[in-house]
Each structure stands twice: as structure tokens, then as C-alpha cells.
N, C-alpha and C. Protein backbone atom coordinates (compact mmCIF):
# COMPACT_ATOMS: atom_id res chain seq x y z
N UNK A 1 -10.87 73.61 34.05
CA UNK A 1 -11.66 72.85 33.12
C UNK A 1 -11.11 72.94 31.70
N UNK A 2 -10.56 74.07 31.31
CA UNK A 2 -10.04 74.24 29.97
C UNK A 2 -8.52 74.10 29.89
N UNK A 3 -7.90 73.46 30.89
CA UNK A 3 -6.45 73.35 30.96
C UNK A 3 -5.86 72.70 29.70
N UNK A 4 -6.46 71.66 29.20
CA UNK A 4 -5.91 70.94 28.04
C UNK A 4 -6.62 71.30 26.74
N UNK A 5 -7.20 72.51 26.68
CA UNK A 5 -7.88 72.97 25.47
C UNK A 5 -7.20 74.24 24.99
N UNK A 6 -6.78 74.24 23.73
CA UNK A 6 -6.21 75.44 23.13
C UNK A 6 -7.32 76.12 22.34
N UNK A 7 -7.73 77.29 22.77
CA UNK A 7 -8.84 77.99 22.13
C UNK A 7 -8.55 79.47 21.90
N UNK A 8 -7.38 79.93 22.34
CA UNK A 8 -7.00 81.32 22.12
C UNK A 8 -5.50 81.42 21.91
N UNK A 9 -5.07 82.53 21.40
CA UNK A 9 -3.66 82.75 21.08
C UNK A 9 -2.77 82.62 22.32
N UNK A 10 -1.63 81.97 22.16
CA UNK A 10 -0.64 81.83 23.24
C UNK A 10 0.56 82.69 22.90
N UNK A 11 1.21 83.18 23.93
CA UNK A 11 2.41 83.99 23.75
C UNK A 11 3.63 83.06 23.74
N UNK A 12 3.69 82.20 22.71
CA UNK A 12 4.78 81.24 22.57
C UNK A 12 5.19 81.20 21.10
N UNK A 13 6.41 80.76 20.87
CA UNK A 13 6.84 80.49 19.50
C UNK A 13 6.20 79.18 19.05
N UNK A 14 6.05 79.00 17.74
CA UNK A 14 5.36 77.82 17.24
C UNK A 14 6.00 76.51 17.70
N UNK A 15 7.33 76.42 17.66
CA UNK A 15 7.96 75.16 18.06
C UNK A 15 7.74 74.87 19.55
N UNK A 16 7.70 75.90 20.38
CA UNK A 16 7.41 75.71 21.80
C UNK A 16 5.97 75.26 22.01
N UNK A 17 5.06 75.88 21.28
CA UNK A 17 3.65 75.55 21.42
C UNK A 17 3.36 74.13 20.95
N UNK A 18 4.00 73.69 19.87
CA UNK A 18 3.80 72.32 19.38
C UNK A 18 4.23 71.32 20.45
N UNK A 19 5.37 71.52 21.06
CA UNK A 19 5.83 70.61 22.11
C UNK A 19 4.88 70.63 23.31
N UNK A 20 4.41 71.82 23.68
CA UNK A 20 3.46 71.96 24.79
C UNK A 20 2.16 71.20 24.49
N UNK A 21 1.68 71.33 23.27
CA UNK A 21 0.44 70.66 22.86
C UNK A 21 0.58 69.15 22.94
N UNK A 22 1.69 68.61 22.45
CA UNK A 22 1.87 67.16 22.48
C UNK A 22 2.14 66.65 23.89
N UNK A 23 2.88 67.40 24.70
CA UNK A 23 3.15 66.98 26.08
C UNK A 23 1.86 66.89 26.89
N UNK A 24 0.93 67.81 26.65
CA UNK A 24 -0.31 67.86 27.42
C UNK A 24 -1.49 67.19 26.73
N UNK A 25 -1.24 66.59 25.56
CA UNK A 25 -2.30 65.89 24.79
C UNK A 25 -3.56 66.77 24.70
N UNK A 26 -3.37 67.93 24.14
CA UNK A 26 -4.41 68.95 24.12
C UNK A 26 -5.44 68.75 23.02
N UNK A 27 -6.56 69.40 23.21
CA UNK A 27 -7.61 69.55 22.22
C UNK A 27 -7.47 70.96 21.66
N UNK A 28 -7.41 71.09 20.33
CA UNK A 28 -7.25 72.38 19.68
C UNK A 28 -8.53 72.69 18.91
N UNK A 29 -9.14 73.81 19.20
CA UNK A 29 -10.36 74.22 18.51
C UNK A 29 -10.15 75.58 17.85
N UNK A 30 -10.66 75.73 16.64
CA UNK A 30 -10.57 77.02 15.97
C UNK A 30 -11.52 77.07 14.78
N UNK A 31 -11.67 78.26 14.27
CA UNK A 31 -12.46 78.47 13.05
C UNK A 31 -11.51 78.90 11.94
N UNK A 32 -11.64 78.24 10.81
CA UNK A 32 -10.85 78.60 9.64
C UNK A 32 -11.84 78.91 8.52
N UNK A 33 -11.82 80.13 8.03
CA UNK A 33 -12.75 80.54 6.97
C UNK A 33 -14.19 80.20 7.31
N UNK A 34 -14.61 80.54 8.51
CA UNK A 34 -15.99 80.33 8.98
C UNK A 34 -16.36 78.87 9.21
N UNK A 35 -15.40 77.99 9.21
CA UNK A 35 -15.67 76.58 9.47
C UNK A 35 -14.99 76.16 10.76
N UNK A 36 -15.74 75.55 11.66
CA UNK A 36 -15.19 75.04 12.91
C UNK A 36 -14.38 73.79 12.63
N UNK A 37 -13.22 73.69 13.23
CA UNK A 37 -12.42 72.47 13.15
C UNK A 37 -11.79 72.22 14.51
N UNK A 38 -11.45 70.98 14.77
CA UNK A 38 -10.84 70.62 16.04
C UNK A 38 -9.92 69.42 15.83
N UNK A 39 -8.87 69.37 16.63
CA UNK A 39 -8.01 68.20 16.64
C UNK A 39 -7.64 67.84 18.06
N UNK A 40 -7.48 66.57 18.32
CA UNK A 40 -7.17 66.06 19.65
C UNK A 40 -5.93 65.20 19.56
N UNK A 41 -4.92 65.55 20.34
CA UNK A 41 -3.70 64.76 20.39
C UNK A 41 -4.01 63.52 21.22
N UNK A 42 -3.73 62.34 20.67
CA UNK A 42 -4.01 61.11 21.41
C UNK A 42 -2.73 60.40 21.86
N UNK A 43 -1.60 60.75 21.26
CA UNK A 43 -0.30 60.22 21.70
C UNK A 43 0.79 61.13 21.15
N UNK A 44 2.05 60.78 21.40
CA UNK A 44 3.15 61.61 20.91
C UNK A 44 3.31 61.57 19.40
N UNK A 45 2.63 60.63 18.75
CA UNK A 45 2.76 60.53 17.30
C UNK A 45 1.44 60.31 16.58
N UNK A 46 0.33 60.72 17.19
CA UNK A 46 -0.98 60.54 16.54
C UNK A 46 -1.99 61.56 17.05
N UNK A 47 -2.94 61.88 16.17
CA UNK A 47 -4.02 62.77 16.53
C UNK A 47 -5.25 62.41 15.70
N UNK A 48 -6.39 62.85 16.20
CA UNK A 48 -7.62 62.73 15.42
C UNK A 48 -8.12 64.15 15.19
N UNK A 49 -8.84 64.34 14.09
CA UNK A 49 -9.34 65.68 13.80
C UNK A 49 -10.69 65.63 13.11
N UNK A 50 -11.40 66.73 13.27
CA UNK A 50 -12.70 66.91 12.65
C UNK A 50 -12.52 67.82 11.45
N UNK A 51 -12.94 67.35 10.30
CA UNK A 51 -12.90 68.12 9.07
C UNK A 51 -14.34 68.54 8.75
N UNK A 52 -14.63 69.83 8.65
CA UNK A 52 -16.01 70.26 8.42
C UNK A 52 -16.58 69.80 7.07
N UNK A 53 -15.72 69.37 6.17
CA UNK A 53 -16.18 68.92 4.86
C UNK A 53 -16.46 67.42 4.82
N UNK A 54 -16.29 66.75 5.97
CA UNK A 54 -16.49 65.31 6.05
C UNK A 54 -17.34 65.01 7.28
N UNK A 55 -18.04 63.91 7.26
CA UNK A 55 -18.93 63.59 8.38
C UNK A 55 -18.27 62.72 9.45
N UNK A 56 -17.01 62.36 9.27
CA UNK A 56 -16.36 61.49 10.25
C UNK A 56 -15.03 62.08 10.72
N UNK A 57 -14.49 61.48 11.77
CA UNK A 57 -13.19 61.89 12.28
C UNK A 57 -12.09 61.22 11.46
N UNK A 58 -10.98 61.89 11.33
CA UNK A 58 -9.83 61.35 10.60
C UNK A 58 -8.66 61.23 11.57
N UNK A 59 -7.71 60.38 11.24
CA UNK A 59 -6.53 60.19 12.07
C UNK A 59 -5.29 60.55 11.27
N UNK A 60 -4.33 61.18 11.96
CA UNK A 60 -3.01 61.42 11.40
C UNK A 60 -2.04 60.72 12.33
N UNK A 61 -1.20 59.85 11.76
CA UNK A 61 -0.24 59.14 12.60
C UNK A 61 1.16 59.31 12.04
N UNK A 62 2.12 59.05 12.88
CA UNK A 62 3.51 59.29 12.53
C UNK A 62 3.94 60.60 13.15
N UNK A 63 5.04 60.57 13.87
CA UNK A 63 5.47 61.75 14.63
C UNK A 63 5.62 62.98 13.74
N UNK A 64 6.31 62.83 12.62
CA UNK A 64 6.55 63.97 11.74
C UNK A 64 5.26 64.47 11.09
N UNK A 65 4.43 63.56 10.61
CA UNK A 65 3.16 63.94 9.97
C UNK A 65 2.22 64.63 10.96
N UNK A 66 2.14 64.12 12.17
CA UNK A 66 1.26 64.72 13.18
C UNK A 66 1.72 66.12 13.54
N UNK A 67 3.01 66.31 13.70
CA UNK A 67 3.52 67.63 14.04
C UNK A 67 3.32 68.63 12.90
N UNK A 68 3.55 68.20 11.68
CA UNK A 68 3.31 69.09 10.53
C UNK A 68 1.84 69.49 10.46
N UNK A 69 0.96 68.54 10.68
CA UNK A 69 -0.48 68.82 10.64
C UNK A 69 -0.85 69.86 11.69
N UNK A 70 -0.31 69.71 12.90
CA UNK A 70 -0.59 70.66 13.98
C UNK A 70 -0.05 72.05 13.63
N UNK A 71 1.16 72.12 13.12
CA UNK A 71 1.76 73.41 12.79
C UNK A 71 0.92 74.13 11.73
N UNK A 72 0.48 73.44 10.71
CA UNK A 72 -0.36 74.06 9.68
C UNK A 72 -1.62 74.65 10.29
N UNK A 73 -2.26 73.90 11.19
CA UNK A 73 -3.48 74.41 11.81
C UNK A 73 -3.20 75.56 12.78
N UNK A 74 -2.09 75.51 13.47
CA UNK A 74 -1.73 76.63 14.36
C UNK A 74 -1.51 77.90 13.54
N UNK A 75 -0.88 77.76 12.38
CA UNK A 75 -0.67 78.92 11.52
C UNK A 75 -2.00 79.47 11.00
N UNK A 76 -2.87 78.59 10.54
CA UNK A 76 -4.17 79.02 10.03
C UNK A 76 -5.01 79.70 11.11
N UNK A 77 -4.90 79.20 12.34
CA UNK A 77 -5.69 79.75 13.44
C UNK A 77 -5.02 80.92 14.15
N UNK A 78 -3.77 81.19 13.78
CA UNK A 78 -2.99 82.31 14.37
C UNK A 78 -2.89 82.17 15.89
N UNK A 79 -2.46 80.97 16.35
CA UNK A 79 -2.40 80.70 17.78
C UNK A 79 -1.04 80.98 18.43
N UNK A 80 0.00 81.31 17.67
CA UNK A 80 1.30 81.54 18.29
C UNK A 80 2.03 82.66 17.55
N UNK A 81 3.21 82.97 18.03
CA UNK A 81 4.03 84.03 17.42
C UNK A 81 4.99 83.44 16.40
């Protein structure tokens, strides 16, 4: 049931984890500074995310922008090595 959900630390390097996340179109959930946030990969170059400071979902598109956004959140959530 949780196959495509990243919710705990993985024993992978960040670049490996980013590719894994995009290949499996995963949902990433985490808490940053006591605020819940989540992002969902919708294609190889786009994602949607929940920002706790806003009431709506936002989209990030473009392969490079989407990957940078994911890496920043993986670092903040401490999900990889």
C-alpha cells in the first residue's frame, strides 16, 4: 500500500533517490519545522506540492526545476545519505 510513498529515510544517495522518486512517480511526505508538507510527482518533469502557508496546491514544471525542488525537500526532510 505504501510502495509509492516516501515517508522515511532511505539508504540511498540523493541522486539515486531522486531518480527512484521520478521513475516511480512517488508521493513524498514530511514535516519541516513542525509543518506538514507533501509533493506528488505527476510526470518526469512536473510535480504538485502542498505548502502549509498556502491554501492551495502548487505546481513545479520543467525537468531541472522539478528535480531541484525535490532535492531541496529531501535535504530538509533528511531522507537520504
